[in-house]
Amino acid sequence: VAAISWSGGSTEYADSVKGRFSISRDN
């Protein structure tokens, strides 16, 4: 579905959820 790097600086999404889902993190 989605992935995020250690700092949150890079993200990637499956085509099926792009524009609708958002991944984030609070270290």
mmCIF file of all heavy atoms, coordinates in Angstrom:
data_MODEL
# 
_entry.id   MODEL 
# 
loop_
_atom_site.group_PDB 
_atom_site.id 
_atom_site.type_symbol 
_atom_site.label_atom_id 
_atom_site.label_alt_id 
_atom_site.label_comp_id 
_atom_site.label_asym_id 
_atom_site.label_entity_id 
_atom_site.label_seq_id 
_atom_site.pdbx_PDB_ins_code 
_atom_site.Cartn_x 
_atom_site.Cartn_y 
_atom_site.Cartn_z 
_atom_site.occupancy 
_atom_site.B_iso_or_equiv 
_atom_site.pdbx_formal_charge 
_atom_site.auth_seq_id 
_atom_site.auth_comp_id 
_atom_site.auth_asym_id 
_atom_site.auth_atom_id 
_atom_site.pdbx_PDB_model_num 
ATOM 1   N N   . VAL A 1 1  ? 0.822  -1.201 0.000   1.00 0.00 ? 1  VAL A N   1 
ATOM 2   C CA  . VAL A 1 1  ? 0.000  0.000  0.000   1.00 0.00 ? 1  VAL A CA  1 
ATOM 3   C C   . VAL A 1 1  ? 0.861  1.258  0.000   1.00 0.00 ? 1  VAL A C   1 
ATOM 4   O O   . VAL A 1 1  ? 0.701  2.134  -0.851  1.00 0.00 ? 1  VAL A O   1 
ATOM 5   C CB  . VAL A 1 1  ? -0.958 0.025  1.201   1.00 0.00 ? 1  VAL A CB  1 
ATOM 6   C CG1 . VAL A 1 1  ? -1.727 1.350  1.253   1.00 0.00 ? 1  VAL A CG1 1 
ATOM 7   C CG2 . VAL A 1 1  ? -1.928 -1.144 1.137   1.00 0.00 ? 1  VAL A CG2 1 
ATOM 8   N N   . ALA A 1 2  ? 1.773  1.370  0.968   1.00 0.00 ? 2  ALA A N   1 
ATOM 9   C CA  . ALA A 1 2  ? 2.580  2.579  1.100   1.00 0.00 ? 2  ALA A CA  1 
ATOM 10  C C   . ALA A 1 2  ? 3.829  2.285  1.909   1.00 0.00 ? 2  ALA A C   1 
ATOM 11  O O   . ALA A 1 2  ? 3.862  1.359  2.717   1.00 0.00 ? 2  ALA A O   1 
ATOM 12  C CB  . ALA A 1 2  ? 1.778  3.697  1.777   1.00 0.00 ? 2  ALA A CB  1 
ATOM 13  N N   . ALA A 1 3  ? 4.873  3.093  1.706   1.00 0.00 ? 3  ALA A N   1 
ATOM 14  C CA  . ALA A 1 3  ? 6.099  2.978  2.480   1.00 0.00 ? 3  ALA A CA  1 
ATOM 15  C C   . ALA A 1 3  ? 6.668  4.360  2.742   1.00 0.00 ? 3  ALA A C   1 
ATOM 16  O O   . ALA A 1 3  ? 6.421  5.301  1.988   1.00 0.00 ? 3  ALA A O   1 
ATOM 17  C CB  . ALA A 1 3  ? 7.131  2.119  1.747   1.00 0.00 ? 3  ALA A CB  1 
ATOM 18  N N   . ILE A 1 4  ? 7.465  4.472  3.809   1.00 0.00 ? 4  ILE A N   1 
ATOM 19  C CA  . ILE A 1 4  ? 8.055  5.740  4.201   1.00 0.00 ? 4  ILE A CA  1 
ATOM 20  C C   . ILE A 1 4  ? 9.448  5.496  4.740   1.00 0.00 ? 4  ILE A C   1 
ATOM 21  O O   . ILE A 1 4  ? 9.686  4.533  5.470   1.00 0.00 ? 4  ILE A O   1 
ATOM 22  C CB  . ILE A 1 4  ? 7.150  6.459  5.234   1.00 0.00 ? 4  ILE A CB  1 
ATOM 23  C CG1 . ILE A 1 4  ? 7.641  7.877  5.523   1.00 0.00 ? 4  ILE A CG1 1 
ATOM 24  C CG2 . ILE A 1 4  ? 7.035  5.636  6.519   1.00 0.00 ? 4  ILE A CG2 1 
ATOM 25  C CD1 . ILE A 1 4  ? 6.611  8.716  6.277   1.00 0.00 ? 4  ILE A CD1 1 
ATOM 26  N N   . SER A 1 5  ? 10.396 6.355  4.373   1.00 0.00 ? 5  SER A N   1 
ATOM 27  C CA  . SER A 1 5  ? 11.764 6.218  4.837   1.00 0.00 ? 5  SER A CA  1 
ATOM 28  C C   . SER A 1 5  ? 11.884 6.602  6.307   1.00 0.00 ? 5  SER A C   1 
ATOM 29  O O   . SER A 1 5  ? 10.943 7.113  6.917   1.00 0.00 ? 5  SER A O   1 
ATOM 30  C CB  . SER A 1 5  ? 12.700 7.076  3.984   1.00 0.00 ? 5  SER A CB  1 
ATOM 31  O OG  . SER A 1 5  ? 12.371 8.459  4.114   1.00 0.00 ? 5  SER A OG  1 
ATOM 32  N N   . TRP A 1 6  ? 13.068 6.405  6.864   1.00 0.00 ? 6  TRP A N   1 
ATOM 33  C CA  . TRP A 1 6  ? 13.281 6.608  8.304   1.00 0.00 ? 6  TRP A CA  1 
ATOM 34  C C   . TRP A 1 6  ? 12.900 8.001  8.782   1.00 0.00 ? 6  TRP A C   1 
ATOM 35  O O   . TRP A 1 6  ? 12.383 8.169  9.889   1.00 0.00 ? 6  TRP A O   1 
ATOM 36  C CB  . TRP A 1 6  ? 14.752 6.340  8.646   1.00 0.00 ? 6  TRP A CB  1 
ATOM 37  C CG  . TRP A 1 6  ? 15.680 7.405  8.127   1.00 0.00 ? 6  TRP A CG  1 
ATOM 38  C CD1 . TRP A 1 6  ? 16.210 7.502  6.877   1.00 0.00 ? 6  TRP A CD1 1 
ATOM 39  C CD2 . TRP A 1 6  ? 16.173 8.525  8.855   1.00 0.00 ? 6  TRP A CD2 1 
ATOM 40  N NE1 . TRP A 1 6  ? 16.998 8.608  6.779   1.00 0.00 ? 6  TRP A NE1 1 
ATOM 41  C CE2 . TRP A 1 6  ? 16.991 9.262  7.987   1.00 0.00 ? 6  TRP A CE2 1 
ATOM 42  C CE3 . TRP A 1 6  ? 16.000 8.986  10.164  1.00 0.00 ? 6  TRP A CE3 1 
ATOM 43  C CZ2 . TRP A 1 6  ? 17.643 10.432 8.368   1.00 0.00 ? 6  TRP A CZ2 1 
ATOM 44  C CZ3 . TRP A 1 6  ? 16.642 10.156 10.559  1.00 0.00 ? 6  TRP A CZ3 1 
ATOM 45  C CH2 . TRP A 1 6  ? 17.450 10.860 9.672   1.00 0.00 ? 6  TRP A CH2 1 
ATOM 46  N N   . SER A 1 7  ? 13.169 9.007  7.952   1.00 0.00 ? 7  SER A N   1 
ATOM 47  C CA  . SER A 1 7  ? 12.931 10.388 8.340   1.00 0.00 ? 7  SER A CA  1 
ATOM 48  C C   . SER A 1 7  ? 11.574 10.914 7.888   1.00 0.00 ? 7  SER A C   1 
ATOM 49  O O   . SER A 1 7  ? 11.175 12.012 8.290   1.00 0.00 ? 7  SER A O   1 
ATOM 50  C CB  . SER A 1 7  ? 14.016 11.280 7.748   1.00 0.00 ? 7  SER A CB  1 
ATOM 51  O OG  . SER A 1 7  ? 13.936 11.295 6.331   1.00 0.00 ? 7  SER A OG  1 
ATOM 52  N N   . GLY A 1 8  ? 10.898 10.148 7.044   1.00 0.00 ? 8  GLY A N   1 
ATOM 53  C CA  . GLY A 1 8  ? 9.676  10.629 6.432   1.00 0.00 ? 8  GLY A CA  1 
ATOM 54  C C   . GLY A 1 8  ? 9.913  11.438 5.176   1.00 0.00 ? 8  GLY A C   1 
ATOM 55  O O   . GLY A 1 8  ? 8.951  11.932 4.572   1.00 0.00 ? 8  GLY A O   1 
ATOM 56  N N   . GLY A 1 9  ? 11.176 11.571 4.757   1.00 0.00 ? 9  GLY A N   1 
ATOM 57  C CA  . GLY A 1 9  ? 11.499 12.382 3.597   1.00 0.00 ? 9  GLY A CA  1 
ATOM 58  C C   . GLY A 1 9  ? 11.140 11.762 2.260   1.00 0.00 ? 9  GLY A C   1 
ATOM 59  O O   . GLY A 1 9  ? 11.044 12.480 1.265   1.00 0.00 ? 9  GLY A O   1 
ATOM 60  N N   . SER A 1 10 ? 10.970 10.451 2.222   1.00 0.00 ? 10 SER A N   1 
ATOM 61  C CA  . SER A 1 10 ? 10.611 9.755  0.995   1.00 0.00 ? 10 SER A CA  1 
ATOM 62  C C   . SER A 1 10 ? 9.414  8.867  1.260   1.00 0.00 ? 10 SER A C   1 
ATOM 63  O O   . SER A 1 10 ? 9.362  8.185  2.284   1.00 0.00 ? 10 SER A O   1 
ATOM 64  C CB  . SER A 1 10 ? 11.776 8.907  0.484   1.00 0.00 ? 10 SER A CB  1 
ATOM 65  O OG  . SER A 1 10 ? 12.898 9.716  0.175   1.00 0.00 ? 10 SER A OG  1 
ATOM 66  N N   . THR A 1 11 ? 8.470  8.860  0.329   1.00 0.00 ? 11 THR A N   1 
ATOM 67  C CA  . THR A 1 11 ? 7.298  7.996  0.432   1.00 0.00 ? 11 THR A CA  1 
ATOM 68  C C   . THR A 1 11 ? 7.005  7.365  -0.914  1.00 0.00 ? 11 THR A C   1 
ATOM 69  O O   . THR A 1 11 ? 7.416  7.880  -1.957  1.00 0.00 ? 11 THR A O   1 
ATOM 70  C CB  . THR A 1 11 ? 6.057  8.763  0.906   1.00 0.00 ? 11 THR A CB  1 
ATOM 71  O OG1 . THR A 1 11 ? 5.777  9.837  -0.003  1.00 0.00 ? 11 THR A OG1 1 
ATOM 72  C CG2 . THR A 1 11 ? 6.272  9.335  2.303   1.00 0.00 ? 11 THR A CG2 1 
ATOM 73  N N   . GLU A 1 12 ? 6.287  6.255  -0.886  1.00 0.00 ? 12 GLU A N   1 
ATOM 74  C CA  . GLU A 1 12 ? 5.882  5.576  -2.097  1.00 0.00 ? 12 GLU A CA  1 
ATOM 75  C C   . GLU A 1 12 ? 4.509  4.948  -1.876  1.00 0.00 ? 12 GLU A C   1 
ATOM 76  O O   . GLU A 1 12 ? 4.213  4.468  -0.776  1.00 0.00 ? 12 GLU A O   1 
ATOM 77  C CB  . GLU A 1 12 ? 6.891  4.503  -2.492  1.00 0.00 ? 12 GLU A CB  1 
ATOM 78  C CG  . GLU A 1 12 ? 6.600  3.838  -3.823  1.00 0.00 ? 12 GLU A CG  1 
ATOM 79  C CD  . GLU A 1 12 ? 7.728  2.956  -4.305  1.00 0.00 ? 12 GLU A CD  1 
ATOM 80  O OE1 . GLU A 1 12 ? 8.898  3.351  -4.125  1.00 0.00 ? 12 GLU A OE1 1 
ATOM 81  O OE2 . GLU A 1 12 ? 7.441  1.882  -4.858  1.00 0.00 ? 12 GLU A OE2 1 
ATOM 82  N N   . TYR A 1 13 ? 3.677  4.954  -2.926  1.00 0.00 ? 13 TYR A N   1 
ATOM 83  C CA  . TYR A 1 13 ? 2.319  4.448  -2.825  1.00 0.00 ? 13 TYR A CA  1 
ATOM 84  C C   . TYR A 1 13 ? 1.993  3.514  -3.979  1.00 0.00 ? 13 TYR A C   1 
ATOM 85  O O   . TYR A 1 13 ? 2.497  3.680  -5.093  1.00 0.00 ? 13 TYR A O   1 
ATOM 86  C CB  . TYR A 1 13 ? 1.309  5.595  -2.846  1.00 0.00 ? 13 TYR A CB  1 
ATOM 87  C CG  . TYR A 1 13 ? 1.455  6.563  -1.709  1.00 0.00 ? 13 TYR A CG  1 
ATOM 88  C CD1 . TYR A 1 13 ? 2.254  7.697  -1.828  1.00 0.00 ? 13 TYR A CD1 1 
ATOM 89  C CD2 . TYR A 1 13 ? 0.795  6.339  -0.506  1.00 0.00 ? 13 TYR A CD2 1 
ATOM 90  C CE1 . TYR A 1 13 ? 2.392  8.578  -0.771  1.00 0.00 ? 13 TYR A CE1 1 
ATOM 91  C CE2 . TYR A 1 13 ? 0.929  7.219  0.552   1.00 0.00 ? 13 TYR A CE2 1 
ATOM 92  C CZ  . TYR A 1 13 ? 1.728  8.338  0.415   1.00 0.00 ? 13 TYR A CZ  1 
ATOM 93  O OH  . TYR A 1 13 ? 1.862  9.214  1.468   1.00 0.00 ? 13 TYR A OH  1 
ATOM 94  N N   . ALA A 1 14 ? 1.129  2.555  -3.689  1.00 0.00 ? 14 ALA A N   1 
ATOM 95  C CA  . ALA A 1 14 ? 0.570  1.745  -4.759  1.00 0.00 ? 14 ALA A CA  1 
ATOM 96  C C   . ALA A 1 14 ? -0.315 2.623  -5.639  1.00 0.00 ? 14 ALA A C   1 
ATOM 97  O O   . ALA A 1 14 ? -0.951 3.567  -5.161  1.00 0.00 ? 14 ALA A O   1 
ATOM 98  C CB  . ALA A 1 14 ? -0.246 0.596  -4.180  1.00 0.00 ? 14 ALA A CB  1 
ATOM 99  N N   . ASP A 1 15 ? -0.362 2.311  -6.935  1.00 0.00 ? 15 ASP A N   1 
ATOM 100 C CA  . ASP A 1 15 ? -1.171 3.104  -7.853  1.00 0.00 ? 15 ASP A CA  1 
ATOM 101 C C   . ASP A 1 15 ? -2.635 3.167  -7.421  1.00 0.00 ? 15 ASP A C   1 
ATOM 102 O O   . ASP A 1 15 ? -3.306 4.182  -7.629  1.00 0.00 ? 15 ASP A O   1 
ATOM 103 C CB  . ASP A 1 15 ? -1.084 2.532  -9.262  1.00 0.00 ? 15 ASP A CB  1 
ATOM 104 C CG  . ASP A 1 15 ? 0.262  2.781  -9.913  1.00 0.00 ? 15 ASP A CG  1 
ATOM 105 O OD1 . ASP A 1 15 ? 1.011  3.661  -9.438  1.00 0.00 ? 15 ASP A OD1 1 
ATOM 106 O OD2 . ASP A 1 15 ? 0.560  2.092  -10.906 1.00 0.00 ? 15 ASP A OD2 1 
ATOM 107 N N   . SER A 1 16 ? -3.124 2.106  -6.819  1.00 0.00 ? 16 SER A N   1 
ATOM 108 C CA  . SER A 1 16 ? -4.524 2.023  -6.445  1.00 0.00 ? 16 SER A CA  1 
ATOM 109 C C   . SER A 1 16 ? -4.929 3.002  -5.345  1.00 0.00 ? 16 SER A C   1 
ATOM 110 O O   . SER A 1 16 ? -6.116 3.275  -5.174  1.00 0.00 ? 16 SER A O   1 
ATOM 111 C CB  . SER A 1 16 ? -4.870 0.598  -6.005  1.00 0.00 ? 16 SER A CB  1 
ATOM 112 O OG  . SER A 1 16 ? -4.084 0.208  -4.896  1.00 0.00 ? 16 SER A OG  1 
ATOM 113 N N   . VAL A 1 17 ? -3.950 3.530  -4.600  1.00 0.00 ? 17 VAL A N   1 
ATOM 114 C CA  . VAL A 1 17 ? -4.270 4.430  -3.490  1.00 0.00 ? 17 VAL A CA  1 
ATOM 115 C C   . VAL A 1 17 ? -3.682 5.822  -3.646  1.00 0.00 ? 17 VAL A C   1 
ATOM 116 O O   . VAL A 1 17 ? -3.944 6.691  -2.800  1.00 0.00 ? 17 VAL A O   1 
ATOM 117 C CB  . VAL A 1 17 ? -3.831 3.840  -2.137  1.00 0.00 ? 17 VAL A CB  1 
ATOM 118 C CG1 . VAL A 1 17 ? -4.437 2.455  -1.932  1.00 0.00 ? 17 VAL A CG1 1 
ATOM 119 C CG2 . VAL A 1 17 ? -2.313 3.787  -2.018  1.00 0.00 ? 17 VAL A CG2 1 
ATOM 120 N N   . LYS A 1 18 ? -2.911 6.066  -4.696  1.00 0.00 ? 18 LYS A N   1 
ATOM 121 C CA  . LYS A 1 18 ? -2.314 7.379  -4.900  1.00 0.00 ? 18 LYS A CA  1 
ATOM 122 C C   . LYS A 1 18 ? -3.387 8.458  -4.971  1.00 0.00 ? 18 LYS A C   1 
ATOM 123 O O   . LYS A 1 18 ? -4.403 8.294  -5.636  1.00 0.00 ? 18 LYS A O   1 
ATOM 124 C CB  . LYS A 1 18 ? -1.485 7.396  -6.182  1.00 0.00 ? 18 LYS A CB  1 
ATOM 125 C CG  . LYS A 1 18 ? -0.159 6.686  -6.071  1.00 0.00 ? 18 LYS A CG  1 
ATOM 126 C CD  . LYS A 1 18 ? 0.624  6.764  -7.379  1.00 0.00 ? 18 LYS A CD  1 
ATOM 127 C CE  . LYS A 1 18 ? 1.964  6.073  -7.259  1.00 0.00 ? 18 LYS A CE  1 
ATOM 128 N NZ  . LYS A 1 18 ? 2.703  6.077  -8.542  1.00 0.00 ? 18 LYS A NZ  1 
ATOM 129 N N   . GLY A 1 19 ? -3.145 9.540  -4.264  1.00 0.00 ? 19 GLY A N   1 
ATOM 130 C CA  . GLY A 1 19 ? -4.091 10.639 -4.229  1.00 0.00 ? 19 GLY A CA  1 
ATOM 131 C C   . GLY A 1 19 ? -5.181 10.490 -3.200  1.00 0.00 ? 19 GLY A C   1 
ATOM 132 O O   . GLY A 1 19 ? -5.927 11.448 -2.952  1.00 0.00 ? 19 GLY A O   1 
ATOM 133 N N   . ARG A 1 20 ? -5.281 9.319  -2.580  1.00 0.00 ? 20 ARG A N   1 
ATOM 134 C CA  . ARG A 1 20 ? -6.314 9.079  -1.576  1.00 0.00 ? 20 ARG A CA  1 
ATOM 135 C C   . ARG A 1 20 ? -5.742 8.760  -0.206  1.00 0.00 ? 20 ARG A C   1 
ATOM 136 O O   . ARG A 1 20 ? -6.317 9.156  0.805   1.00 0.00 ? 20 ARG A O   1 
ATOM 137 C CB  . ARG A 1 20 ? -7.227 7.932  -2.016  1.00 0.00 ? 20 ARG A CB  1 
ATOM 138 C CG  . ARG A 1 20 ? -7.966 8.199  -3.319  1.00 0.00 ? 20 ARG A CG  1 
ATOM 139 C CD  . ARG A 1 20 ? -9.026 7.135  -3.573  1.00 0.00 ? 20 ARG A CD  1 
ATOM 140 N NE  . ARG A 1 20 ? -8.440 5.805  -3.717  1.00 0.00 ? 20 ARG A NE  1 
ATOM 141 C CZ  . ARG A 1 20 ? -8.728 4.771  -2.927  1.00 0.00 ? 20 ARG A CZ  1 
ATOM 142 N NH1 . ARG A 1 20 ? -9.589 4.910  -1.925  1.00 0.00 ? 20 ARG A NH1 1 
ATOM 143 N NH2 . ARG A 1 20 ? -8.164 3.595  -3.135  1.00 0.00 ? 20 ARG A NH2 1 
ATOM 144 N N   . PHE A 1 21 ? -4.639 8.029  -0.168  1.00 0.00 ? 21 PHE A N   1 
ATOM 145 C CA  . PHE A 1 21 ? -4.022 7.631  1.092   1.00 0.00 ? 21 PHE A CA  1 
ATOM 146 C C   . PHE A 1 21 ? -2.745 8.427  1.318   1.00 0.00 ? 21 PHE A C   1 
ATOM 147 O O   . PHE A 1 21 ? -2.080 8.841  0.362   1.00 0.00 ? 21 PHE A O   1 
ATOM 148 C CB  . PHE A 1 21 ? -3.669 6.144  1.086   1.00 0.00 ? 21 PHE A CB  1 
ATOM 149 C CG  . PHE A 1 21 ? -4.846 5.211  1.106   1.00 0.00 ? 21 PHE A CG  1 
ATOM 150 C CD1 . PHE A 1 21 ? -6.145 5.658  0.934   1.00 0.00 ? 21 PHE A CD1 1 
ATOM 151 C CD2 . PHE A 1 21 ? -4.634 3.852  1.308   1.00 0.00 ? 21 PHE A CD2 1 
ATOM 152 C CE1 . PHE A 1 21 ? -7.220 4.786  0.946   1.00 0.00 ? 21 PHE A CE1 1 
ATOM 153 C CE2 . PHE A 1 21 ? -5.692 2.967  1.330   1.00 0.00 ? 21 PHE A CE2 1 
ATOM 154 C CZ  . PHE A 1 21 ? -6.984 3.429  1.149   1.00 0.00 ? 21 PHE A CZ  1 
ATOM 155 N N   . SER A 1 22 ? -2.373 8.588  2.582   1.00 0.00 ? 22 SER A N   1 
ATOM 156 C CA  . SER A 1 22 ? -1.148 9.288  2.931   1.00 0.00 ? 22 SER A CA  1 
ATOM 157 C C   . SER A 1 22 ? -0.474 8.609  4.114   1.00 0.00 ? 22 SER A C   1 
ATOM 158 O O   . SER A 1 22 ? -1.114 8.388  5.146   1.00 0.00 ? 22 SER A O   1 
ATOM 159 C CB  . SER A 1 22 ? -1.449 10.750 3.274   1.00 0.00 ? 22 SER A CB  1 
ATOM 160 O OG  . SER A 1 22 ? -0.277 11.447 3.627   1.00 0.00 ? 22 SER A OG  1 
ATOM 161 N N   . ILE A 1 23 ? 0.802  8.267  3.960   1.00 0.00 ? 23 ILE A N   1 
ATOM 162 C CA  . ILE A 1 23 ? 1.574  7.667  5.040   1.00 0.00 ? 23 ILE A CA  1 
ATOM 163 C C   . ILE A 1 23 ? 2.419  8.750  5.705   1.00 0.00 ? 23 ILE A C   1 
ATOM 164 O O   . ILE A 1 23 ? 2.947  9.643  5.041   1.00 0.00 ? 23 ILE A O   1 
ATOM 165 C CB  . ILE A 1 23 ? 2.460  6.510  4.521   1.00 0.00 ? 23 ILE A CB  1 
ATOM 166 C CG1 . ILE A 1 23 ? 3.129  5.772  5.677   1.00 0.00 ? 23 ILE A CG1 1 
ATOM 167 C CG2 . ILE A 1 23 ? 3.487  7.007  3.515   1.00 0.00 ? 23 ILE A CG2 1 
ATOM 168 C CD1 . ILE A 1 23 ? 3.842  4.487  5.254   1.00 0.00 ? 23 ILE A CD1 1 
ATOM 169 N N   . SER A 1 24 ? 2.534  8.683  7.020   1.00 0.00 ? 24 SER A N   1 
ATOM 170 C CA  . SER A 1 24 ? 3.349  9.630  7.768   1.00 0.00 ? 24 SER A CA  1 
ATOM 171 C C   . SER A 1 24 ? 3.905  8.945  9.005   1.00 0.00 ? 24 SER A C   1 
ATOM 172 O O   . SER A 1 24 ? 3.486  7.841  9.352   1.00 0.00 ? 24 SER A O   1 
ATOM 173 C CB  . SER A 1 24 ? 2.531  10.873 8.151   1.00 0.00 ? 24 SER A CB  1 
ATOM 174 O OG  . SER A 1 24 ? 1.441  10.527 8.987   1.00 0.00 ? 24 SER A OG  1 
ATOM 175 N N   . ARG A 1 25 ? 4.855  9.601  9.663   1.00 0.00 ? 25 ARG A N   1 
ATOM 176 C CA  . ARG A 1 25 ? 5.420  9.013  10.873  1.00 0.00 ? 25 ARG A CA  1 
ATOM 177 C C   . ARG A 1 25 ? 5.815  10.085 11.865  1.00 0.00 ? 25 ARG A C   1 
ATOM 178 O O   . ARG A 1 25 ? 6.111  11.228 11.497  1.00 0.00 ? 25 ARG A O   1 
ATOM 179 C CB  . ARG A 1 25 ? 6.628  8.129  10.537  1.00 0.00 ? 25 ARG A CB  1 
ATOM 180 C CG  . ARG A 1 25 ? 7.830  8.874  9.987   1.00 0.00 ? 25 ARG A CG  1 
ATOM 181 C CD  . ARG A 1 25 ? 8.883  7.888  9.474   1.00 0.00 ? 25 ARG A CD  1 
ATOM 182 N NE  . ARG A 1 25 ? 9.423  7.068  10.541  1.00 0.00 ? 25 ARG A NE  1 
ATOM 183 C CZ  . ARG A 1 25 ? 10.039 5.892  10.348  1.00 0.00 ? 25 ARG A CZ  1 
ATOM 184 N NH1 . ARG A 1 25 ? 10.167 5.403  9.115   1.00 0.00 ? 25 ARG A NH1 1 
ATOM 185 N NH2 . ARG A 1 25 ? 10.515 5.223  11.388  1.00 0.00 ? 25 ARG A NH2 1 
ATOM 186 N N   . ASP A 1 26 ? 5.819  9.715  13.132  1.00 0.00 ? 26 ASP A N   1 
ATOM 187 C CA  . ASP A 1 26 ? 6.251  10.570 14.226  1.00 0.00 ? 26 ASP A CA  1 
ATOM 188 C C   . ASP A 1 26 ? 7.299  9.780  14.990  1.00 0.00 ? 26 ASP A C   1 
ATOM 189 O O   . ASP A 1 26 ? 6.962  8.923  15.803  1.00 0.00 ? 26 ASP A O   1 
ATOM 190 C CB  . ASP A 1 26 ? 5.072  10.948 15.112  1.00 0.00 ? 26 ASP A CB  1 
ATOM 191 C CG  . ASP A 1 26 ? 5.448  11.933 16.201  1.00 0.00 ? 26 ASP A CG  1 
ATOM 192 O OD1 . ASP A 1 26 ? 6.643  12.066 16.520  1.00 0.00 ? 26 ASP A OD1 1 
ATOM 193 O OD2 . ASP A 1 26 ? 4.533  12.584 16.745  1.00 0.00 ? 26 ASP A OD2 1 
ATOM 194 N N   . ASN A 1 27 ? 8.562  10.064 14.715  1.00 0.00 ? 27 ASN A N   1 
ATOM 195 C CA  . ASN A 1 27 ? 9.631  9.281  15.329  1.00 0.00 ? 27 ASN A CA  1 
ATOM 196 C C   . ASN A 1 27 ? 9.710  9.479  16.840  1.00 0.00 ? 27 ASN A C   1 
ATOM 197 O O   . ASN A 1 27 ? 10.127 8.576  17.560  1.00 0.00 ? 27 ASN A O   1 
ATOM 198 C CB  . ASN A 1 27 ? 10.971 9.616  14.677  1.00 0.00 ? 27 ASN A CB  1 
ATOM 199 C CG  . ASN A 1 27 ? 11.121 8.983  13.310  1.00 0.00 ? 27 ASN A CG  1 
ATOM 200 O OD1 . ASN A 1 27 ? 10.369 8.085  12.942  1.00 0.00 ? 27 ASN A OD1 1 
ATOM 201 N ND2 . ASN A 1 27 ? 12.098 9.458  12.552  1.00 0.00 ? 27 ASN A ND2 1 
# 
